[in-house]
Amino acid sequence: MSNDHLTDIAYRHFIESVKDYAIYMLSADGTVISWNEGARRAKGYLSDEIIGRYFGLFYSEAEQLSGVPAKKPGNRPA
């Protein structure tokens, strides 16, 4: 196993173990691709329920229709 692979595994375990802060990653199109325990506590979704879904579901229907998720800093596709 390469050092890079071991570093990736250690980093993933570290992020997943953080409980007091919501840490998650989004793909360029806004799909949730990682989710930690802190995110579960903050948002109420288990990782199996949220990974693969569009992050816009965190916003109300009215906010989604007005395009709020796309307007938030850091939420725009690269």
PDB file of N, CA and C in Angstrom:
ATOM      1  N   MET A   1       0.841  -1.167   0.000  1.00  0.00           N
ATOM      2  CA  MET A   1       0.000   0.000   0.000  1.00  0.00           C
ATOM      3  C   MET A   1       0.894   1.241   0.000  1.00  0.00           C
ATOM      4  N   SER A   2       0.586   2.199  -0.856  1.00  0.00           N
ATOM      5  CA  SER A   2       1.417   3.398  -0.970  1.00  0.00           C
ATOM      6  C   SER A   2       1.152   4.360   0.193  1.00  0.00           C
ATOM      7  N   ASN A   3       2.111   5.249   0.415  1.00  0.00           N
ATOM      8  CA  ASN A   3       1.943   6.264   1.460  1.00  0.00           C
ATOM      9  C   ASN A   3       0.755   7.169   1.171  1.00  0.00           C
ATOM     10  N   ASP A   4       0.544   7.507  -0.110  1.00  0.00           N
ATOM     11  CA  ASP A   4      -0.596   8.354  -0.474  1.00  0.00           C
ATOM     12  C   ASP A   4      -1.918   7.687  -0.106  1.00  0.00           C
ATOM     13  N   HIS A   5      -2.001   6.388  -0.372  1.00  0.00           N
ATOM     14  CA  HIS A   5      -3.223   5.648  -0.056  1.00  0.00           C
ATOM     15  C   HIS A   5      -3.446   5.611   1.459  1.00  0.00           C
ATOM     16  N   LEU A   6      -2.385   5.371   2.215  1.00  0.00           N
ATOM     17  CA  LEU A   6      -2.498   5.355   3.674  1.00  0.00           C
ATOM     18  C   LEU A   6      -2.896   6.722   4.212  1.00  0.00           C
ATOM     19  N   THR A   7      -2.350   7.774   3.616  1.00  0.00           N
ATOM     20  CA  THR A   7      -2.706   9.135   4.016  1.00  0.00           C
ATOM     21  C   THR A   7      -4.178   9.402   3.735  1.00  0.00           C
ATOM     22  N   ASP A   8      -4.660   8.975   2.576  1.00  0.00           N
ATOM     23  CA  ASP A   8      -6.078   9.146   2.235  1.00  0.00           C
ATOM     24  C   ASP A   8      -6.977   8.424   3.234  1.00  0.00           C
ATOM     25  N   ILE A   9      -6.609   7.216   3.603  1.00  0.00           N
ATOM     26  CA  ILE A   9      -7.396   6.439   4.562  1.00  0.00           C
ATOM     27  C   ILE A   9      -7.404   7.127   5.924  1.00  0.00           C
ATOM     28  N   ALA A  10      -6.236   7.568   6.381  1.00  0.00           N
ATOM     29  CA  ALA A  10      -6.143   8.247   7.678  1.00  0.00           C
ATOM     30  C   ALA A  10      -6.965   9.531   7.674  1.00  0.00           C
ATOM     31  N   TYR A  11      -6.883  10.291   6.591  1.00  0.00           N
ATOM     32  CA  TYR A  11      -7.644  11.540   6.480  1.00  0.00           C
ATOM     33  C   TYR A  11      -9.143  11.257   6.529  1.00  0.00           C
ATOM     34  N   ARG A  12      -9.584  10.254   5.791  1.00  0.00           N
ATOM     35  CA  ARG A  12     -11.003   9.896   5.768  1.00  0.00           C
ATOM     36  C   ARG A  12     -11.484   9.509   7.168  1.00  0.00           C
ATOM     37  N   HIS A  13     -10.695   8.696   7.872  1.00  0.00           N
ATOM     38  CA  HIS A  13     -11.074   8.299   9.230  1.00  0.00           C
ATOM     39  C   HIS A  13     -11.130   9.505  10.166  1.00  0.00           C
ATOM     40  N   PHE A  14     -10.183  10.416  10.010  1.00  0.00           N
ATOM     41  CA  PHE A  14     -10.174  11.627  10.832  1.00  0.00           C
ATOM     42  C   PHE A  14     -11.440  12.449  10.599  1.00  0.00           C
ATOM     43  N   ILE A  15     -11.755  12.722   9.348  1.00  0.00           N
ATOM     44  CA  ILE A  15     -12.937  13.525   9.011  1.00  0.00           C
ATOM     45  C   ILE A  15     -14.208  12.853   9.521  1.00  0.00           C
ATOM     46  N   GLU A  16     -14.313  11.548   9.333  1.00  0.00           N
ATOM     47  CA  GLU A  16     -15.504  10.829   9.757  1.00  0.00           C
ATOM     48  C   GLU A  16     -15.655  10.814  11.273  1.00  0.00           C
ATOM     49  N   SER A  17     -14.546  10.958  12.006  1.00  0.00           N
ATOM     50  CA  SER A  17     -14.608  10.905  13.465  1.00  0.00           C
ATOM     51  C   SER A  17     -14.976  12.244  14.105  1.00  0.00           C
ATOM     52  N   VAL A  18     -14.903  13.336  13.364  1.00  0.00           N
ATOM     53  CA  VAL A  18     -15.242  14.655  13.908  1.00  0.00           C
ATOM     54  C   VAL A  18     -16.751  14.695  14.167  1.00  0.00           C
ATOM     55  N   LYS A  19     -17.116  15.028  15.395  1.00  0.00           N
ATOM     56  CA  LYS A  19     -18.529  15.005  15.765  1.00  0.00           C
ATOM     57  C   LYS A  19     -19.115  16.388  16.033  1.00  0.00           C
ATOM     58  N   ASP A  20     -18.277  17.359  16.304  1.00  0.00           N
ATOM     59  CA  ASP A  20     -18.772  18.682  16.679  1.00  0.00           C
ATOM     60  C   ASP A  20     -18.893  19.654  15.511  1.00  0.00           C
ATOM     61  N   TYR A  21     -18.452  19.246  14.335  1.00  0.00           N
ATOM     62  CA  TYR A  21     -18.500  20.110  13.157  1.00  0.00           C
ATOM     63  C   TYR A  21     -19.029  19.321  11.972  1.00  0.00           C
ATOM     64  N   ALA A  22     -19.925  19.936  11.216  1.00  0.00           N
ATOM     65  CA  ALA A  22     -20.442  19.308  10.001  1.00  0.00           C
ATOM     66  C   ALA A  22     -19.402  19.459   8.898  1.00  0.00           C
ATOM     67  N   ILE A  23     -18.923  18.331   8.396  1.00  0.00           N
ATOM     68  CA  ILE A  23     -17.959  18.333   7.301  1.00  0.00           C
ATOM     69  C   ILE A  23     -18.510  17.432   6.209  1.00  0.00           C
ATOM     70  N   TYR A  24     -18.705  18.016   5.041  1.00  0.00           N
ATOM     71  CA  TYR A  24     -19.161  17.213   3.908  1.00  0.00           C
ATOM     72  C   TYR A  24     -18.581  17.804   2.639  1.00  0.00           C
ATOM     73  N   MET A  25     -18.537  16.988   1.600  1.00  0.00           N
ATOM     74  CA  MET A  25     -18.020  17.444   0.310  1.00  0.00           C
ATOM     75  C   MET A  25     -19.111  17.307  -0.733  1.00  0.00           C
ATOM     76  N   LEU A  26     -19.063  18.241  -1.682  1.00  0.00           N
ATOM     77  CA  LEU A  26     -19.991  18.232  -2.804  1.00  0.00           C
ATOM     78  C   LEU A  26     -19.218  18.049  -4.093  1.00  0.00           C
ATOM     79  N   SER A  27     -19.826  17.370  -5.057  1.00  0.00           N
ATOM     80  CA  SER A  27     -19.241  17.285  -6.391  1.00  0.00           C
ATOM     81  C   SER A  27     -19.480  18.622  -7.090  1.00  0.00           C
ATOM     82  N   ALA A  28     -18.920  18.786  -8.262  1.00  0.00           N
ATOM     83  CA  ALA A  28     -19.071  20.035  -9.016  1.00  0.00           C
ATOM     84  C   ALA A  28     -20.534  20.358  -9.323  1.00  0.00           C
ATOM     85  N   ASP A  29     -21.384  19.342  -9.424  1.00  0.00           N
ATOM     86  CA  ASP A  29     -22.799  19.598  -9.726  1.00  0.00           C
ATOM     87  C   ASP A  29     -23.673  19.713  -8.475  1.00  0.00           C
ATOM     88  N   GLY A  30     -23.045  19.707  -7.286  1.00  0.00           N
ATOM     89  CA  GLY A  30     -23.793  19.883  -6.051  1.00  0.00           C
ATOM     90  C   GLY A  30     -24.279  18.610  -5.395  1.00  0.00           C
ATOM     91  N   THR A  31     -23.798  17.465  -5.850  1.00  0.00           N
ATOM     92  CA  THR A  31     -24.162  16.196  -5.245  1.00  0.00           C
ATOM     93  C   THR A  31     -23.300  15.961  -4.009  1.00  0.00           C
ATOM     94  N   VAL A  32     -23.922  15.543  -2.913  1.00  0.00           N
ATOM     95  CA  VAL A  32     -23.181  15.245  -1.687  1.00  0.00           C
ATOM     96  C   VAL A  32     -22.373  13.970  -1.917  1.00  0.00           C
ATOM     97  N   ILE A  33     -21.048  14.047  -1.714  1.00  0.00           N
ATOM     98  CA  ILE A  33     -20.194  12.878  -1.949  1.00  0.00           C
ATOM     99  C   ILE A  33     -19.515  12.369  -0.682  1.00  0.00           C
ATOM    100  N   SER A  34     -19.542  13.143   0.398  1.00  0.00           N
ATOM    101  CA  SER A  34     -19.070  12.636   1.691  1.00  0.00           C
ATOM    102  C   SER A  34     -19.845  13.336   2.794  1.00  0.00           C
ATOM    103  N   TRP A  35     -19.914  12.678   3.955  1.00  0.00           N
ATOM    104  CA  TRP A  35     -20.774  13.149   5.042  1.00  0.00           C
ATOM    105  C   TRP A  35     -20.224  12.610   6.345  1.00  0.00           C
ATOM    106  N   ASN A  36     -19.995  13.466   7.335  1.00  0.00           N
ATOM    107  CA  ASN A  36     -19.459  12.973   8.600  1.00  0.00           C
ATOM    108  C   ASN A  36     -20.517  12.987   9.704  1.00  0.00           C
ATOM    109  N   GLU A  37     -20.130  12.514  10.884  1.00  0.00           N
ATOM    110  CA  GLU A  37     -21.047  12.436  12.021  1.00  0.00           C
ATOM    111  C   GLU A  37     -21.547  13.820  12.435  1.00  0.00           C
ATOM    112  N   GLY A  38     -20.688  14.813  12.368  1.00  0.00           N
ATOM    113  CA  GLY A  38     -21.106  16.173  12.699  1.00  0.00           C
ATOM    114  C   GLY A  38     -22.191  16.675  11.758  1.00  0.00           C
ATOM    115  N   ALA A  39     -22.085  16.337  10.481  1.00  0.00           N
ATOM    116  CA  ALA A  39     -23.114  16.719   9.513  1.00  0.00           C
ATOM    117  C   ALA A  39     -24.423  16.008   9.834  1.00  0.00           C
ATOM    118  N   ARG A  40     -24.327  14.750  10.237  1.00  0.00           N
ATOM    119  CA  ARG A  40     -25.538  14.014  10.618  1.00  0.00           C
ATOM    120  C   ARG A  40     -26.219  14.706  11.797  1.00  0.00           C
ATOM    121  N   ARG A  41     -25.436  15.085  12.786  1.00  0.00           N
ATOM    122  CA  ARG A  41     -26.004  15.757  13.959  1.00  0.00           C
ATOM    123  C   ARG A  41     -26.620  17.108  13.586  1.00  0.00           C
ATOM    124  N   ALA A  42     -25.974  17.834  12.706  1.00  0.00           N
ATOM    125  CA  ALA A  42     -26.450  19.173  12.331  1.00  0.00           C
ATOM    126  C   ALA A  42     -27.674  19.126  11.419  1.00  0.00           C
ATOM    127  N   LYS A  43     -27.682  18.201  10.470  1.00  0.00           N
ATOM    128  CA  LYS A  43     -28.741  18.172   9.455  1.00  0.00           C
ATOM    129  C   LYS A  43     -29.759  17.051   9.642  1.00  0.00           C
ATOM    130  N   GLY A  44     -29.382  16.005  10.402  1.00  0.00           N
ATOM    131  CA  GLY A  44     -30.320  14.927  10.678  1.00  0.00           C
ATOM    132  C   GLY A  44     -30.356  13.795   9.673  1.00  0.00           C
ATOM    133  N   TYR A  45     -29.478  13.818   8.691  1.00  0.00           N
ATOM    134  CA  TYR A  45     -29.438  12.760   7.682  1.00  0.00           C
ATOM    135  C   TYR A  45     -28.297  11.790   7.963  1.00  0.00           C
ATOM    136  N   LEU A  46     -28.563  10.498   7.872  1.00  0.00           N
ATOM    137  CA  LEU A  46     -27.497   9.498   7.896  1.00  0.00           C
ATOM    138  C   LEU A  46     -26.752   9.578   6.575  1.00  0.00           C
ATOM    139  N   SER A  47     -25.493   9.157   6.564  1.00  0.00           N
ATOM    140  CA  SER A  47     -24.716   9.228   5.324  1.00  0.00           C
ATOM    141  C   SER A  47     -25.388   8.449   4.199  1.00  0.00           C
ATOM    142  N   ASP A  48     -25.980   7.293   4.522  1.00  0.00           N
ATOM    143  CA  ASP A  48     -26.653   6.488   3.493  1.00  0.00           C
ATOM    144  C   ASP A  48     -27.863   7.206   2.896  1.00  0.00           C
ATOM    145  N   GLU A  49     -28.449   8.118   3.648  1.00  0.00           N
ATOM    146  CA  GLU A  49     -29.628   8.849   3.179  1.00  0.00           C
ATOM    147  C   GLU A  49     -29.274  10.055   2.315  1.00  0.00           C
ATOM    148  N   ILE A  50     -28.082  10.608   2.491  1.00  0.00           N
ATOM    149  CA  ILE A  50     -27.759  11.880   1.841  1.00  0.00           C
ATOM    150  C   ILE A  50     -26.725  11.767   0.730  1.00  0.00           C
ATOM    151  N   ILE A  51     -25.771  10.862   0.865  1.00  0.00           N
ATOM    152  CA  ILE A  51     -24.741  10.744  -0.175  1.00  0.00           C
ATOM    153  C   ILE A  51     -25.404  10.359  -1.492  1.00  0.00           C
ATOM    154  N   GLY A  52     -25.057  11.107  -2.537  1.00  0.00           N
ATOM    155  CA  GLY A  52     -25.639  10.884  -3.855  1.00  0.00           C
ATOM    156  C   GLY A  52     -26.818  11.794  -4.164  1.00  0.00           C
ATOM    157  N   ARG A  53     -27.234  12.588  -3.182  1.00  0.00           N
ATOM    158  CA  ARG A  53     -28.364  13.498  -3.391  1.00  0.00           C
ATOM    159  C   ARG A  53     -27.867  14.928  -3.574  1.00  0.00           C
ATOM    160  N   TYR A  54     -28.684  15.752  -4.189  1.00  0.00           N
ATOM    161  CA  TYR A  54     -28.348  17.151  -4.452  1.00  0.00           C
ATOM    162  C   TYR A  54     -28.445  17.963  -3.160  1.00  0.00           C
ATOM    163  N   PHE A  55     -27.430  18.779  -2.875  1.00  0.00           N
ATOM    164  CA  PHE A  55     -27.381  19.538  -1.624  1.00  0.00           C
ATOM    165  C   PHE A  55     -28.500  20.568  -1.504  1.00  0.00           C
ATOM    166  N   GLY A  56     -29.154  20.899  -2.587  1.00  0.00           N
ATOM    167  CA  GLY A  56     -30.233  21.872  -2.557  1.00  0.00           C
ATOM    168  C   GLY A  56     -31.382  21.476  -1.647  1.00  0.00           C
ATOM    169  N   LEU A  57     -31.471  20.203  -1.287  1.00  0.00           N
ATOM    170  CA  LEU A  57     -32.549  19.776  -0.404  1.00  0.00           C
ATOM    171  C   LEU A  57     -32.426  20.385   0.990  1.00  0.00           C
ATOM    172  N   PHE A  58     -31.294  21.003   1.299  1.00  0.00           N
ATOM    173  CA  PHE A  58     -31.129  21.694   2.578  1.00  0.00           C
ATOM    174  C   PHE A  58     -31.899  23.018   2.604  1.00  0.00           C
ATOM    175  N   TYR A  59     -32.402  23.437   1.471  1.00  0.00           N
ATOM    176  CA  TYR A  59     -33.111  24.708   1.341  1.00  0.00           C
ATOM    177  C   TYR A  59     -34.602  24.459   1.143  1.00  0.00           C
ATOM    178  N   SER A  60     -35.411  25.434   1.520  1.00  0.00           N
ATOM    179  CA  SER A  60     -36.858  25.312   1.338  1.00  0.00           C
ATOM    180  C   SER A  60     -37.182  25.275  -0.157  1.00  0.00           C
ATOM    181  N   GLU A  61     -38.402  24.851  -0.465  1.00  0.00           N
ATOM    182  CA  GLU A  61     -38.830  24.804  -1.864  1.00  0.00           C
ATOM    183  C   GLU A  61     -38.784  26.194  -2.490  1.00  0.00           C
ATOM    184  N   ALA A  62     -39.217  27.206  -1.731  1.00  0.00           N
ATOM    185  CA  ALA A  62     -39.199  28.581  -2.247  1.00  0.00           C
ATOM    186  C   ALA A  62     -37.768  29.029  -2.548  1.00  0.00           C
ATOM    187  N   GLU A  63     -36.834  28.694  -1.656  1.00  0.00           N
ATOM    188  CA  GLU A  63     -35.429  29.059  -1.882  1.00  0.00           C
ATOM    189  C   GLU A  63     -34.870  28.341  -3.104  1.00  0.00           C
ATOM    190  N   GLN A  64     -35.233  27.075  -3.267  1.00  0.00           N
ATOM    191  CA  GLN A  64     -34.765  26.321  -4.430  1.00  0.00           C
ATOM    192  C   GLN A  64     -35.306  26.928  -5.717  1.00  0.00           C
ATOM    193  N   LEU A  65     -36.600  27.274  -5.734  1.00  0.00           N
ATOM    194  CA  LEU A  65     -37.211  27.845  -6.933  1.00  0.00           C
ATOM    195  C   LEU A  65     -36.612  29.194  -7.300  1.00  0.00           C
ATOM    196  N   SER A  66     -36.171  29.948  -6.293  1.00  0.00           N
ATOM    197  CA  SER A  66     -35.564  31.254  -6.575  1.00  0.00           C
ATOM    198  C   SER A  66     -34.066  31.154  -6.838  1.00  0.00           C
ATOM    199  N   GLY A  67     -33.526  29.937  -6.795  1.00  0.00           N
ATOM    200  CA  GLY A  67     -32.118  29.737  -7.129  1.00  0.00           C
ATOM    201  C   GLY A  67     -31.138  30.029  -6.010  1.00  0.00           C
ATOM    202  N   VAL A  68     -31.606  30.087  -4.769  1.00  0.00           N
ATOM    203  CA  VAL A  68     -30.726  30.408  -3.638  1.00  0.00           C
ATOM    204  C   VAL A  68     -29.517  29.479  -3.544  1.00  0.00           C
ATOM    205  N   PRO A  69     -29.669  28.154  -3.652  1.00  0.00           N
ATOM    206  CA  PRO A  69     -28.474  27.306  -3.509  1.00  0.00           C
ATOM    207  C   PRO A  69     -27.348  27.674  -4.478  1.00  0.00           C
ATOM    208  N   ALA A  70     -27.692  28.002  -5.699  1.00  0.00           N
ATOM    209  CA  ALA A  70     -26.668  28.342  -6.695  1.00  0.00           C
ATOM    210  C   ALA A  70     -26.024  29.694  -6.420  1.00  0.00           C
ATOM    211  N   LYS A  71     -26.703  30.549  -5.665  1.00  0.00           N
ATOM    212  CA  LYS A  71     -26.188  31.888  -5.379  1.00  0.00           C
ATOM    213  C   LYS A  71     -25.264  31.929  -4.167  1.00  0.00           C
ATOM    214  N   LYS A  72     -25.269  30.893  -3.336  1.00  0.00           N
ATOM    215  CA  LYS A  72     -24.451  30.878  -2.128  1.00  0.00           C
ATOM    216  C   LYS A  72     -22.977  30.743  -2.492  1.00  0.00           C
ATOM    217  N   PRO A  73     -22.110  31.510  -1.832  1.00  0.00           N
ATOM    218  CA  PRO A  73     -20.664  31.382  -2.092  1.00  0.00           C
ATOM    219  C   PRO A  73     -20.209  29.946  -1.841  1.00  0.00           C
ATOM    220  N   GLY A  74     -19.400  29.443  -2.739  1.00  0.00           N
ATOM    221  CA  GLY A  74     -18.876  28.088  -2.592  1.00  0.00           C
ATOM    222  C   GLY A  74     -19.811  27.008  -3.080  1.00  0.00           C
ATOM    223  N   ASN A  75     -21.012  27.356  -3.495  1.00  0.00           N
ATOM    224  CA  ASN A  75     -21.979  26.366  -3.956  1.00  0.00           C
ATOM    225  C   ASN A  75     -22.105  26.335  -5.469  1.00  0.00           C
ATOM    226  N   ARG A  76     -21.262  27.073  -6.136  1.00  0.00           N
ATOM    227  CA  ARG A  76     -21.332  27.101  -7.590  1.00  0.00           C
ATOM    228  C   ARG A  76     -20.417  26.040  -8.181  1.00  0.00           C
ATOM    229  N   PRO A  77     -20.895  25.351  -9.225  1.00  0.00           N
ATOM    230  CA  PRO A  77     -20.020  24.368  -9.880  1.00  0.00           C
ATOM    231  C   PRO A  77     -18.729  25.010 -10.360  1.00  0.00           C
ATOM    232  N   ALA A  78     -17.662  24.246 -10.305  1.00  0.00           N
ATOM    233  CA  ALA A  78     -16.341  24.750 -10.737  1.00  0.00           C
ATOM    234  C   ALA A  78     -16.279  24.883 -12.238  1.00  0.00           C
TER     235      ALA A  78
END
